[in-house]
Amino acid sequence: MRAGRIARGLLAALIAVVAMLALAVIAVWRDPYMIVRAEYARQRIAAGLSLHAVEAAGYRWTYVERDADRADAPTLVMLHGYTGSKENWYRLVQRLDRRYRIVVPDLPGWGQSERKPGADYGYAAQAANVAAFIDVVSERPVVLVGHSMGGGIAAVTAARYPDDVSRVALLDASGVRFKDNRFGIDVLAGKNPFGVVDAASLEHYLGILFHDRAARPAIPWPASKAVIDFRRGEGAFEQSVLDSVGRGPDRFLPYEAAVDIKQPALLLWCRQDQVIDASALDIFGARMPQARRVLLDGCGHMSLMEQPAAVAQAIRALIEKGKPR
C-alpha cells in the first residue's frame, strides 16, 4: 500500500512537471521575447538593481536603481547608446560598489520607456529630456555617464544643463567627426550598419560592436529568433534616429557643445572601436582639456561590456578626484 501511494505521488509530480513544461513551451511560442526578458531580469537581480517608472519631460521612463550605503553618496546616471537599453550597463554596475547610488534609464523612445510617434529623439531633445529626468530622480547634481549616442547626449546635457551634472564621463561617444571607417561611410551613405533582419545581419551587428568575442552576449535559438524579430520591427524607428544623430545637421552637436563642458570629465575609448574610431578621443579632448583620457586595448565599441572592470576603475577615479580625504 505504501509503495503504491509513493508511486502515485511520483506520477502526480511528474504530470505536474510535464504540465508546467508544456505551459512554458506554449508561453514561449506565443511570446518568444519572453526568454530575453527573463535573462534581463536575471542579470538585473544579480546586479542588485530594482525596476522603477517615473514621469519626466512628458514621457514615462522605465529605469533601474540601486541604493548606496549612505544617503549623501554620489548618484550615477548612465545613458545607453543607439539600439541599446539599460541592460547594456549591468556588467559594469556589478563592478561598482555601494559607495554610489546607481540610476540607469531606458532613454525615451528606447527599451521600455515611452515612445511618441513623430517625436524628436536627436541630441538636443534627448538632452532636455535627460535634464528633466535628473531633476526628478535626484535632489543634487549627478555624475552623468554616457555610452555612444548616450555619450553624445551626456555631452550636450553637461554643457547646456550644468546645474544638473557635477561630473561627466563619455565612453566611445558619438557626435564628433572621427577618422573615416566603414561604419561612418555607410551611415553617411544612408545605410544603417546596425540594422538586423536575419541571422547574418545579427552576426554582422555583433561583429561591429564587439572586438572580444568572449564578451559577446550569448543569444542561442530561440532567443536569437526573438531578437531578430524585435530588431526587424524596430528598423523604421532606428532609421529615423540615425537620420538625426548620424546624418542630420546637428550630428556634431556633442562636439560643438563639448567646449562648454567645464565639469571634471572622463573620455574613454577602446583602441579597436569599429563604430566611433578611437581618433575621436583626442578630438573630443581638444575641446575638453580638463578631461582625463583613457584608451583601452583589446576591446571594441562596447567598452562597458568588454572591459567593465577597467571602465569602473576609470569612473571611480573621476568621482574621487578632487574630493577631500
C-alpha atoms as a PDB file:
ATOM      1  CA  MET A   1       0.000   0.000   0.000  1.00  0.00           C
ATOM      2  CA  ARG A   2       2.734   2.411   0.965  1.00  0.00           C
ATOM      3  CA  ALA A   3       4.694   1.658  -2.240  1.00  0.00           C
ATOM      4  CA  GLY A   4       1.537   2.303  -4.246  1.00  0.00           C
ATOM      5  CA  ARG A   5       0.997   5.665  -2.580  1.00  0.00           C
ATOM      6  CA  ILE A   6       4.614   6.643  -3.314  1.00  0.00           C
ATOM      7  CA  ALA A   7       4.247   5.594  -6.946  1.00  0.00           C
ATOM      8  CA  ARG A   8       1.019   7.575  -7.315  1.00  0.00           C
ATOM      9  CA  GLY A   9       2.710  10.596  -5.714  1.00  0.00           C
ATOM     10  CA  LEU A  10       5.661  10.382  -8.078  1.00  0.00           C
ATOM     11  CA  LEU A  11       3.311  10.052 -11.043  1.00  0.00           C
ATOM     12  CA  ALA A  12       1.348  13.112  -9.916  1.00  0.00           C
ATOM     13  CA  ALA A  13       4.571  15.096  -9.522  1.00  0.00           C
ATOM     14  CA  LEU A  14       5.733  14.003 -12.972  1.00  0.00           C
ATOM     15  CA  ILE A  15       2.422  15.023 -14.521  1.00  0.00           C
ATOM     16  CA  ALA A  16       2.674  18.426 -12.810  1.00  0.00           C
ATOM     17  CA  VAL A  17       6.204  18.940 -14.151  1.00  0.00           C
ATOM     18  CA  VAL A  18       5.161  17.950 -17.661  1.00  0.00           C
ATOM     19  CA  ALA A  19       2.179  20.297 -17.461  1.00  0.00           C
ATOM     20  CA  MET A  20       4.407  23.155 -16.341  1.00  0.00           C
ATOM     21  CA  LEU A  21       6.859  22.478 -19.165  1.00  0.00           C
ATOM     22  CA  ALA A  22       4.003  22.389 -21.651  1.00  0.00           C
ATOM     23  CA  LEU A  23       2.701  25.716 -20.381  1.00  0.00           C
ATOM     24  CA  ALA A  24       6.213  27.200 -20.630  1.00  0.00           C
ATOM     25  CA  VAL A  25       6.589  25.971 -24.228  1.00  0.00           C
ATOM     26  CA  ILE A  26       3.208  27.473 -25.135  1.00  0.00           C
ATOM     27  CA  ALA A  27       4.132  30.777 -23.465  1.00  0.00           C
ATOM     28  CA  VAL A  28       7.450  30.957 -25.329  1.00  0.00           C
ATOM     29  CA  TRP A  29       5.740  30.034 -28.606  1.00  0.00           C
ATOM     30  CA  ARG A  30       3.270  32.879 -28.124  1.00  0.00           C
ATOM     31  CA  ASP A  31       5.913  35.368 -26.956  1.00  0.00           C
ATOM     32  CA  PRO A  32       9.479  34.280 -27.853  1.00  0.00           C
ATOM     33  CA  TYR A  33      10.930  37.544 -26.494  1.00  0.00           C
ATOM     34  CA  MET A  34       9.931  36.276 -23.042  1.00  0.00           C
ATOM     35  CA  ILE A  35      13.253  34.417 -22.992  1.00  0.00           C
ATOM     36  CA  VAL A  36      15.171  37.667 -23.475  1.00  0.00           C
ATOM     37  CA  ARG A  37      13.170  39.481 -20.810  1.00  0.00           C
ATOM     38  CA  ALA A  38      13.736  36.643 -18.362  1.00  0.00           C
ATOM     39  CA  GLU A  39      17.509  36.792 -18.945  1.00  0.00           C
ATOM     40  CA  TYR A  40      17.475  40.562 -18.488  1.00  0.00           C
ATOM     41  CA  ALA A  41      15.589  40.121 -15.207  1.00  0.00           C
ATOM     42  CA  ARG A  42      18.160  37.585 -14.026  1.00  0.00           C
ATOM     43  CA  GLN A  43      21.006  39.991 -14.804  1.00  0.00           C
ATOM     44  CA  ARG A  44      19.200  42.885 -13.104  1.00  0.00           C
ATOM     45  CA  ILE A  45      18.681  40.901  -9.920  1.00  0.00           C
ATOM     46  CA  ALA A  46      22.307  39.727  -9.950  1.00  0.00           C
ATOM     47  CA  ALA A  47      23.413  43.374 -10.140  1.00  0.00           C
ATOM     48  CA  GLY A  48      21.212  44.290  -7.169  1.00  0.00           C
ATOM     49  CA  LEU A  49      19.031  46.630  -9.232  1.00  0.00           C
ATOM     50  CA  SER A  50      15.313  47.232  -8.789  1.00  0.00           C
ATOM     51  CA  LEU A  51      12.871  48.263 -11.520  1.00  0.00           C
ATOM     52  CA  HIS A  52      11.046  51.628 -11.396  1.00  0.00           C
ATOM     53  CA  ALA A  53       8.996  54.007 -13.531  1.00  0.00           C
ATOM     54  CA  VAL A  54       8.601  57.795 -13.413  1.00  0.00           C
ATOM     55  CA  GLU A  55       7.140  60.659 -15.445  1.00  0.00           C
ATOM     56  CA  ALA A  56       9.576  63.302 -16.719  1.00  0.00           C
ATOM     57  CA  ALA A  57       9.596  65.673 -19.702  1.00  0.00           C
ATOM     58  CA  GLY A  58       6.195  64.350 -20.744  1.00  0.00           C
ATOM     59  CA  TYR A  59       7.458  60.751 -21.032  1.00  0.00           C
ATOM     60  CA  ARG A  60       7.010  57.665 -18.942  1.00  0.00           C
ATOM     61  CA  TRP A  61      10.519  56.434 -18.178  1.00  0.00           C
ATOM     62  CA  THR A  62      11.466  52.923 -17.107  1.00  0.00           C
ATOM     63  CA  TYR A  63      14.700  52.728 -15.131  1.00  0.00           C
ATOM     64  CA  VAL A  64      16.605  50.551 -12.705  1.00  0.00           C
ATOM     65  CA  GLU A  65      18.170  51.738  -9.483  1.00  0.00           C
ATOM     66  CA  ARG A  66      20.465  50.546  -6.718  1.00  0.00           C
ATOM     67  CA  ASP A  67      20.780  52.483  -3.479  1.00  0.00           C
ATOM     68  CA  ALA A  68      24.111  53.406  -1.937  1.00  0.00           C
ATOM     69  CA  ASP A  69      25.327  52.606   1.558  1.00  0.00           C
ATOM     70  CA  ARG A  70      24.854  56.205   2.681  1.00  0.00           C
ATOM     71  CA  ALA A  71      22.349  58.951   1.944  1.00  0.00           C
ATOM     72  CA  ASP A  72      24.909  61.532   0.770  1.00  0.00           C
ATOM     73  CA  ALA A  73      26.552  59.233  -1.806  1.00  0.00           C
ATOM     74  CA  PRO A  74      27.009  60.473  -5.386  1.00  0.00           C
ATOM     75  CA  THR A  75      24.322  59.460  -7.853  1.00  0.00           C
ATOM     76  CA  LEU A  76      25.458  57.988 -11.183  1.00  0.00           C
ATOM     77  CA  VAL A  77      23.041  58.274 -14.107  1.00  0.00           C
ATOM     78  CA  MET A  78      24.022  56.064 -17.053  1.00  0.00           C
ATOM     79  CA  LEU A  79      22.772  56.613 -20.632  1.00  0.00           C
ATOM     80  CA  HIS A  80      22.812  53.792 -23.184  1.00  0.00           C
ATOM     81  CA  GLY A  81      23.670  54.105 -26.860  1.00  0.00           C
ATOM     82  CA  TYR A  82      21.908  53.734 -30.214  1.00  0.00           C
ATOM     83  CA  THR A  83      19.916  50.449 -30.432  1.00  0.00           C
ATOM     84  CA  GLY A  84      20.868  49.904 -26.770  1.00  0.00           C
ATOM     85  CA  SER A  85      18.992  49.804 -23.490  1.00  0.00           C
ATOM     86  CA  LYS A  86      19.559  49.980 -19.751  1.00  0.00           C
ATOM     87  CA  GLU A  87      20.582  46.315 -19.753  1.00  0.00           C
ATOM     88  CA  ASN A  88      23.871  47.186 -21.501  1.00  0.00           C
ATOM     89  CA  TRP A  89      25.137  48.594 -18.182  1.00  0.00           C
ATOM     90  CA  TYR A  90      24.525  45.594 -15.919  1.00  0.00           C
ATOM     91  CA  ARG A  91      28.045  44.124 -16.178  1.00  0.00           C
ATOM     92  CA  LEU A  92      29.556  47.481 -15.285  1.00  0.00           C
ATOM     93  CA  VAL A  93      27.170  48.065 -12.376  1.00  0.00           C
ATOM     94  CA  GLN A  94      28.346  44.787 -10.847  1.00  0.00           C
ATOM     95  CA  ARG A  95      31.895  46.236 -10.751  1.00  0.00           C
ATOM     96  CA  LEU A  96      30.802  49.366  -8.865  1.00  0.00           C
ATOM     97  CA  ASP A  97      30.305  49.096  -5.132  1.00  0.00           C
ATOM     98  CA  ARG A  98      27.633  50.707  -2.999  1.00  0.00           C
ATOM     99  CA  ARG A  99      29.599  53.903  -2.462  1.00  0.00           C
ATOM    100  CA  TYR A 100      27.414  55.211  -5.283  1.00  0.00           C
ATOM    101  CA  ARG A 101      23.714  55.325  -5.998  1.00  0.00           C
ATOM    102  CA  ILE A 102      23.113  53.918  -9.491  1.00  0.00           C
ATOM    103  CA  VAL A 103      20.271  55.049 -11.792  1.00  0.00           C
ATOM    104  CA  VAL A 104      20.058  53.568 -15.303  1.00  0.00           C
ATOM    105  CA  PRO A 105      17.134  54.550 -17.563  1.00  0.00           C
ATOM    106  CA  ASP A 106      15.908  53.489 -20.941  1.00  0.00           C
ATOM    107  CA  LEU A 107      16.013  56.741 -22.900  1.00  0.00           C
ATOM    108  CA  PRO A 108      12.653  57.955 -24.280  1.00  0.00           C
ATOM    109  CA  GLY A 109      11.877  56.020 -27.437  1.00  0.00           C
ATOM    110  CA  TRP A 110      14.073  53.074 -26.457  1.00  0.00           C
ATOM    111  CA  GLY A 111      13.710  49.934 -24.363  1.00  0.00           C
ATOM    112  CA  GLN A 112      10.722  50.009 -22.042  1.00  0.00           C
ATOM    113  CA  SER A 113      10.409  53.800 -21.917  1.00  0.00           C
ATOM    114  CA  GLU A 114       7.661  55.615 -23.783  1.00  0.00           C
ATOM    115  CA  ARG A 115       7.928  56.346 -27.498  1.00  0.00           C
ATOM    116  CA  LYS A 116       5.855  59.021 -29.203  1.00  0.00           C
ATOM    117  CA  PRO A 117       5.257  58.854 -32.959  1.00  0.00           C
ATOM    118  CA  GLY A 118       6.995  61.692 -34.775  1.00  0.00           C
ATOM    119  CA  ALA A 119       8.823  62.963 -31.684  1.00  0.00           C
ATOM    120  CA  ASP A 120      12.379  64.312 -31.849  1.00  0.00           C
ATOM    121  CA  TYR A 121      14.946  61.884 -30.442  1.00  0.00           C
ATOM    122  CA  GLY A 122      18.047  63.797 -31.506  1.00  0.00           C
ATOM    123  CA  TYR A 123      20.813  65.073 -29.249  1.00  0.00           C
ATOM    124  CA  ALA A 124      19.261  68.363 -28.137  1.00  0.00           C
ATOM    125  CA  ALA A 125      15.806  66.946 -27.469  1.00  0.00           C
ATOM    126  CA  GLN A 126      17.151  63.980 -25.529  1.00  0.00           C
ATOM    127  CA  ALA A 127      19.490  66.224 -23.508  1.00  0.00           C
ATOM    128  CA  ALA A 128      16.459  68.261 -22.410  1.00  0.00           C
ATOM    129  CA  ASN A 129      14.653  65.002 -21.567  1.00  0.00           C
ATOM    130  CA  VAL A 130      17.613  63.774 -19.516  1.00  0.00           C
ATOM    131  CA  ALA A 131      17.885  67.051 -17.598  1.00  0.00           C
ATOM    132  CA  ALA A 132      14.200  66.764 -16.656  1.00  0.00           C
ATOM    133  CA  PHE A 133      14.713  63.133 -15.626  1.00  0.00           C
ATOM    134  CA  ILE A 134      17.669  64.079 -13.409  1.00  0.00           C
ATOM    135  CA  ASP A 135      15.567  66.743 -11.701  1.00  0.00           C
ATOM    136  CA  VAL A 136      13.002  64.074 -10.821  1.00  0.00           C
ATOM    137  CA  VAL A 137      15.320  61.306  -9.613  1.00  0.00           C
ATOM    138  CA  SER A 138      17.994  63.334  -7.791  1.00  0.00           C
ATOM    139  CA  GLU A 139      17.998  66.311  -5.456  1.00  0.00           C
ATOM    140  CA  ARG A 140      21.663  67.041  -6.279  1.00  0.00           C
ATOM    141  CA  PRO A 141      23.771  67.196  -9.441  1.00  0.00           C
ATOM    142  CA  VAL A 142      24.705  63.754 -10.732  1.00  0.00           C
ATOM    143  CA  VAL A 143      27.679  62.033 -12.287  1.00  0.00           C
ATOM    144  CA  LEU A 144      26.444  61.556 -15.856  1.00  0.00           C
ATOM    145  CA  VAL A 145      27.911  58.617 -17.771  1.00  0.00           C
ATOM    146  CA  GLY A 146      27.020  58.097 -21.436  1.00  0.00           C
ATOM    147  CA  HIS A 147      27.988  55.482 -23.987  1.00  0.00           C
ATOM    148  CA  SER A 148      27.988  56.011 -27.776  1.00  0.00           C
ATOM    149  CA  MET A 149      24.825  58.001 -28.638  1.00  0.00           C
ATOM    150  CA  GLY A 150      24.239  58.260 -24.888  1.00  0.00           C
ATOM    151  CA  GLY A 151      27.701  59.815 -24.622  1.00  0.00           C
ATOM    152  CA  GLY A 152      26.729  62.443 -27.184  1.00  0.00           C
ATOM    153  CA  ILE A 153      23.541  63.144 -25.230  1.00  0.00           C
ATOM    154  CA  ALA A 154      25.540  63.322 -21.983  1.00  0.00           C
ATOM    155  CA  ALA A 155      27.926  65.865 -23.532  1.00  0.00           C
ATOM    156  CA  VAL A 156      25.077  68.150 -24.585  1.00  0.00           C
ATOM    157  CA  THR A 157      23.360  67.728 -21.208  1.00  0.00           C
ATOM    158  CA  ALA A 158      26.527  68.612 -19.267  1.00  0.00           C
ATOM    159  CA  ALA A 159      27.120  71.672 -21.461  1.00  0.00           C
ATOM    160  CA  ARG A 160      23.568  73.026 -21.508  1.00  0.00           C
ATOM    161  CA  TYR A 161      22.383  71.994 -18.033  1.00  0.00           C
ATOM    162  CA  PRO A 162      25.497  72.334 -15.848  1.00  0.00           C
ATOM    163  CA  ASP A 163      23.483  72.650 -12.635  1.00  0.00           C
ATOM    164  CA  ASP A 164      22.307  69.061 -13.129  1.00  0.00           C
ATOM    165  CA  VAL A 165      25.727  67.498 -13.793  1.00  0.00           C
ATOM    166  CA  SER A 166      28.659  67.504 -11.355  1.00  0.00           C
ATOM    167  CA  ARG A 167      30.928  65.282 -13.468  1.00  0.00           C
ATOM    168  CA  VAL A 168      30.603  63.669 -16.887  1.00  0.00           C
ATOM    169  CA  ALA A 169      32.033  60.535 -18.483  1.00  0.00           C
ATOM    170  CA  LEU A 170      31.883  59.971 -22.238  1.00  0.00           C
ATOM    171  CA  LEU A 171      32.514  56.372 -23.321  1.00  0.00           C
ATOM    172  CA  ASP A 172      33.051  55.787 -27.050  1.00  0.00           C
ATOM    173  CA  ALA A 173      30.816  58.828 -27.553  1.00  0.00           C
ATOM    174  CA  SER A 174      29.183  59.792 -30.833  1.00  0.00           C
ATOM    175  CA  GLY A 175      28.644  63.278 -32.241  1.00  0.00           C
ATOM    176  CA  VAL A 176      32.177  64.001 -33.412  1.00  0.00           C
ATOM    177  CA  ARG A 177      33.994  63.869 -36.761  1.00  0.00           C
ATOM    178  CA  PHE A 178      36.429  60.999 -36.462  1.00  0.00           C
ATOM    179  CA  LYS A 179      38.845  59.223 -38.798  1.00  0.00           C
ATOM    180  CA  ASP A 180      36.940  57.600 -41.680  1.00  0.00           C
ATOM    181  CA  ASN A 181      35.916  53.984 -41.151  1.00  0.00           C
ATOM    182  CA  ARG A 182      33.445  51.631 -42.815  1.00  0.00           C
ATOM    183  CA  PHE A 183      30.725  52.337 -40.260  1.00  0.00           C
ATOM    184  CA  GLY A 184      30.867  56.107 -40.766  1.00  0.00           C
ATOM    185  CA  ILE A 185      30.968  55.779 -44.556  1.00  0.00           C
ATOM    186  CA  ASP A 186      27.889  53.525 -44.520  1.00  0.00           C
ATOM    187  CA  VAL A 187      25.971  55.901 -42.240  1.00  0.00           C
ATOM    188  CA  LEU A 188      26.687  58.894 -44.484  1.00  0.00           C
ATOM    189  CA  ALA A 189      25.558  56.787 -47.470  1.00  0.00           C
ATOM    190  CA  GLY A 190      22.118  56.407 -45.863  1.00  0.00           C
ATOM    191  CA  LYS A 191      22.591  52.870 -44.564  1.00  0.00           C
ATOM    192  CA  ASN A 192      22.037  51.521 -41.048  1.00  0.00           C
ATOM    193  CA  PRO A 193      25.053  49.302 -40.270  1.00  0.00           C
ATOM    194  CA  PHE A 194      23.295  48.264 -37.047  1.00  0.00           C
ATOM    195  CA  GLY A 195      20.173  47.028 -38.830  1.00  0.00           C
ATOM    196  CA  VAL A 196      19.119  43.455 -38.005  1.00  0.00           C
ATOM    197  CA  VAL A 197      16.713  41.498 -40.208  1.00  0.00           C
ATOM    198  CA  ASP A 198      18.111  37.952 -40.165  1.00  0.00           C
ATOM    199  CA  ALA A 199      20.787  35.732 -38.621  1.00  0.00           C
ATOM    200  CA  ALA A 200      23.534  37.069 -40.885  1.00  0.00           C
ATOM    201  CA  SER A 201      22.834  40.712 -40.057  1.00  0.00           C
ATOM    202  CA  LEU A 202      22.634  39.870 -36.338  1.00  0.00           C
ATOM    203  CA  GLU A 203      26.121  38.353 -36.592  1.00  0.00           C
ATOM    204  CA  HIS A 204      27.322  41.423 -38.515  1.00  0.00           C
ATOM    205  CA  TYR A 205      25.849  43.733 -35.854  1.00  0.00           C
ATOM    206  CA  LEU A 206      27.591  41.897 -33.019  1.00  0.00           C
ATOM    207  CA  GLY A 207      30.820  41.785 -35.019  1.00  0.00           C
ATOM    208  CA  ILE A 208      30.837  45.575 -35.392  1.00  0.00           C
ATOM    209  CA  LEU A 209      30.114  46.144 -31.719  1.00  0.00           C
ATOM    210  CA  PHE A 210      32.464  43.652 -30.065  1.00  0.00           C
ATOM    211  CA  HIS A 211      36.165  43.085 -30.616  1.00  0.00           C
ATOM    212  CA  ASP A 212      36.370  40.414 -27.902  1.00  0.00           C
ATOM    213  CA  ARG A 213      34.143  37.523 -28.997  1.00  0.00           C
ATOM    214  CA  ALA A 214      34.143  36.114 -25.463  1.00  0.00           C
ATOM    215  CA  ALA A 215      32.399  39.269 -24.241  1.00  0.00           C
ATOM    216  CA  ARG A 216      29.503  38.979 -26.664  1.00  0.00           C
ATOM    217  CA  PRO A 217      26.154  38.143 -25.062  1.00  0.00           C
ATOM    218  CA  ALA A 218      25.084  34.576 -25.785  1.00  0.00           C
ATOM    219  CA  ILE A 219      21.945  34.557 -27.958  1.00  0.00           C
ATOM    220  CA  PRO A 220      21.079  30.899 -28.659  1.00  0.00           C
ATOM    221  CA  TRP A 221      17.950  29.855 -30.551  1.00  0.00           C
ATOM    222  CA  PRO A 222      15.066  30.558 -29.942  1.00  0.00           C
ATOM    223  CA  ALA A 223      16.255  33.752 -28.234  1.00  0.00           C
ATOM    224  CA  SER A 224      18.093  34.698 -31.427  1.00  0.00           C
ATOM    225  CA  LYS A 225      14.861  34.495 -33.428  1.00  0.00           C
ATOM    226  CA  ALA A 226      13.117  36.691 -30.853  1.00  0.00           C
ATOM    227  CA  VAL A 227      15.898  39.275 -31.029  1.00  0.00           C
ATOM    228  CA  ILE A 228      15.861  39.267 -34.837  1.00  0.00           C
ATOM    229  CA  ASP A 229      12.071  39.686 -34.939  1.00  0.00           C
ATOM    230  CA  PHE A 230      12.229  42.512 -32.391  1.00  0.00           C
ATOM    231  CA  ARG A 231      15.020  44.366 -34.185  1.00  0.00           C
ATOM    232  CA  ARG A 232      13.306  43.951 -37.551  1.00  0.00           C
ATOM    233  CA  GLY A 233      10.257  45.637 -36.045  1.00  0.00           C
ATOM    234  CA  GLU A 234      12.434  48.470 -34.735  1.00  0.00           C
ATOM    235  CA  GLY A 235      14.003  49.162 -38.119  1.00  0.00           C
ATOM    236  CA  ALA A 236      11.948  52.218 -39.096  1.00  0.00           C
ATOM    237  CA  PHE A 237      12.441  53.895 -35.716  1.00  0.00           C
ATOM    238  CA  GLU A 238      16.170  53.166 -35.711  1.00  0.00           C
ATOM    239  CA  GLN A 239      16.472  54.659 -39.193  1.00  0.00           C
ATOM    240  CA  SER A 240      14.677  57.843 -38.131  1.00  0.00           C
ATOM    241  CA  VAL A 241      17.005  58.345 -35.151  1.00  0.00           C
ATOM    242  CA  LEU A 242      20.093  57.634 -37.249  1.00  0.00           C
ATOM    243  CA  ASP A 243      18.911  60.221 -39.779  1.00  0.00           C
ATOM    244  CA  SER A 244      19.167  62.760 -36.934  1.00  0.00           C
ATOM    245  CA  VAL A 245      22.225  61.748 -34.900  1.00  0.00           C
ATOM    246  CA  GLY A 246      24.231  60.263 -37.767  1.00  0.00           C
ATOM    247  CA  ARG A 247      23.394  62.354 -40.810  1.00  0.00           C
ATOM    248  CA  GLY A 248      21.380  65.376 -39.686  1.00  0.00           C
ATOM    249  CA  PRO A 249      22.561  68.986 -39.364  1.00  0.00           C
ATOM    250  CA  ASP A 250      23.105  68.507 -35.612  1.00  0.00           C
ATOM    251  CA  ARG A 251      25.148  65.303 -35.912  1.00  0.00           C
ATOM    252  CA  PHE A 252      28.213  67.082 -34.497  1.00  0.00           C
ATOM    253  CA  LEU A 253      26.328  68.941 -31.771  1.00  0.00           C
ATOM    254  CA  PRO A 254      28.063  66.999 -28.940  1.00  0.00           C
ATOM    255  CA  TYR A 255      31.473  68.029 -30.281  1.00  0.00           C
ATOM    256  CA  GLU A 256      30.340  71.644 -30.635  1.00  0.00           C
ATOM    257  CA  ALA A 257      28.873  71.632 -27.113  1.00  0.00           C
ATOM    258  CA  ALA A 258      31.941  69.989 -25.547  1.00  0.00           C
ATOM    259  CA  VAL A 259      33.798  73.305 -25.339  1.00  0.00           C
ATOM    260  CA  ASP A 260      31.187  74.433 -22.805  1.00  0.00           C
ATOM    261  CA  ILE A 261      31.707  71.419 -20.541  1.00  0.00           C
ATOM    262  CA  LYS A 262      33.564  72.768 -17.520  1.00  0.00           C
ATOM    263  CA  GLN A 263      32.931  69.916 -15.084  1.00  0.00           C
ATOM    264  CA  PRO A 264      35.571  67.286 -14.290  1.00  0.00           C
ATOM    265  CA  ALA A 265      35.348  64.794 -17.144  1.00  0.00           C
ATOM    266  CA  LEU A 266      36.435  61.402 -18.405  1.00  0.00           C
ATOM    267  CA  LEU A 267      36.928  60.426 -22.051  1.00  0.00           C
ATOM    268  CA  LEU A 268      37.280  56.659 -22.524  1.00  0.00           C
ATOM    269  CA  TRP A 269      37.673  54.713 -25.762  1.00  0.00           C
ATOM    270  CA  CYS A 270      38.728  51.282 -26.974  1.00  0.00           C
ATOM    271  CA  ARG A 271      41.537  51.111 -29.485  1.00  0.00           C
ATOM    272  CA  GLN A 272      39.662  48.598 -31.676  1.00  0.00           C
ATOM    273  CA  ASP A 273      36.366  50.519 -31.824  1.00  0.00           C
ATOM    274  CA  GLN A 274      34.887  49.929 -35.302  1.00  0.00           C
ATOM    275  CA  VAL A 275      31.971  52.316 -34.735  1.00  0.00           C
ATOM    276  CA  ILE A 276      33.360  55.562 -33.304  1.00  0.00           C
ATOM    277  CA  ASP A 277      37.025  55.404 -34.226  1.00  0.00           C
ATOM    278  CA  ALA A 278      39.454  55.947 -31.347  1.00  0.00           C
ATOM    279  CA  SER A 279      40.705  59.117 -33.057  1.00  0.00           C
ATOM    280  CA  ALA A 280      37.603  60.730 -31.511  1.00  0.00           C
ATOM    281  CA  LEU A 281      39.268  60.522 -28.085  1.00  0.00           C
ATOM    282  CA  ASP A 282      41.782  63.259 -28.819  1.00  0.00           C
ATOM    283  CA  ILE A 283      39.358  65.235 -30.975  1.00  0.00           C
ATOM    284  CA  PHE A 284      36.922  65.468 -28.066  1.00  0.00           C
ATOM    285  CA  GLY A 285      39.875  66.006 -25.716  1.00  0.00           C
ATOM    286  CA  ALA A 286      40.943  69.145 -27.575  1.00  0.00           C
ATOM    287  CA  ARG A 287      37.576  70.657 -26.632  1.00  0.00           C
ATOM    288  CA  MET A 288      37.768  69.404 -23.032  1.00  0.00           C
ATOM    289  CA  PRO A 289      41.308  69.975 -21.751  1.00  0.00           C
ATOM    290  CA  GLN A 290      40.232  69.143 -18.181  1.00  0.00           C
ATOM    291  CA  ALA A 291      39.174  65.623 -19.178  1.00  0.00           C
ATOM    292  CA  ARG A 292      41.194  62.563 -18.244  1.00  0.00           C
ATOM    293  CA  ARG A 293      41.765  60.412 -21.334  1.00  0.00           C
ATOM    294  CA  VAL A 294      41.750  56.607 -21.140  1.00  0.00           C
ATOM    295  CA  LEU A 295      42.432  54.358 -24.137  1.00  0.00           C
ATOM    296  CA  LEU A 296      41.810  50.656 -23.533  1.00  0.00           C
ATOM    297  CA  ASP A 297      43.285  47.903 -25.665  1.00  0.00           C
ATOM    298  CA  GLY A 298      41.636  44.645 -26.684  1.00  0.00           C
ATOM    299  CA  CYS A 299      38.051  45.902 -26.885  1.00  0.00           C
ATOM    300  CA  GLY A 300      35.728  47.426 -29.450  1.00  0.00           C
ATOM    301  CA  HIS A 301      32.751  49.740 -29.211  1.00  0.00           C
ATOM    302  CA  MET A 302      31.222  48.075 -26.136  1.00  0.00           C
ATOM    303  CA  SER A 303      33.857  49.035 -23.573  1.00  0.00           C
ATOM    304  CA  LEU A 304      31.281  48.880 -20.775  1.00  0.00           C
ATOM    305  CA  MET A 305      30.619  45.191 -21.561  1.00  0.00           C
ATOM    306  CA  GLU A 306      34.026  44.067 -22.845  1.00  0.00           C
ATOM    307  CA  GLN A 307      36.158  45.597 -20.072  1.00  0.00           C
ATOM    308  CA  PRO A 308      33.711  46.546 -17.293  1.00  0.00           C
ATOM    309  CA  ALA A 309      36.341  46.370 -14.532  1.00  0.00           C
ATOM    310  CA  ALA A 310      38.634  48.856 -16.288  1.00  0.00           C
ATOM    311  CA  VAL A 311      35.737  51.177 -17.075  1.00  0.00           C
ATOM    312  CA  ALA A 312      34.532  51.013 -13.466  1.00  0.00           C
ATOM    313  CA  GLN A 313      38.037  51.922 -12.257  1.00  0.00           C
ATOM    314  CA  ALA A 314      38.127  54.947 -14.568  1.00  0.00           C
ATOM    315  CA  ILE A 315      34.708  56.117 -13.376  1.00  0.00           C
ATOM    316  CA  ARG A 316      35.735  55.739  -9.735  1.00  0.00           C
ATOM    317  CA  ALA A 317      38.829  57.849 -10.421  1.00  0.00           C
ATOM    318  CA  LEU A 318      36.652  60.540 -11.997  1.00  0.00           C
ATOM    319  CA  ILE A 319      34.349  60.632  -8.982  1.00  0.00           C
ATOM    320  CA  GLU A 320      37.029  60.534  -6.313  1.00  0.00           C
ATOM    321  CA  LYS A 321      39.401  63.034  -7.951  1.00  0.00           C
ATOM    322  CA  GLY A 322      39.458  66.317  -6.071  1.00  0.00           C
ATOM    323  CA  LYS A 323      37.347  65.065  -3.173  1.00  0.00           C
ATOM    324  CA  PRO A 324      38.662  65.798   0.328  1.00  0.00           C
ATOM    325  CA  ARG A 325      40.183  62.797   2.051  1.00  0.00           C
END
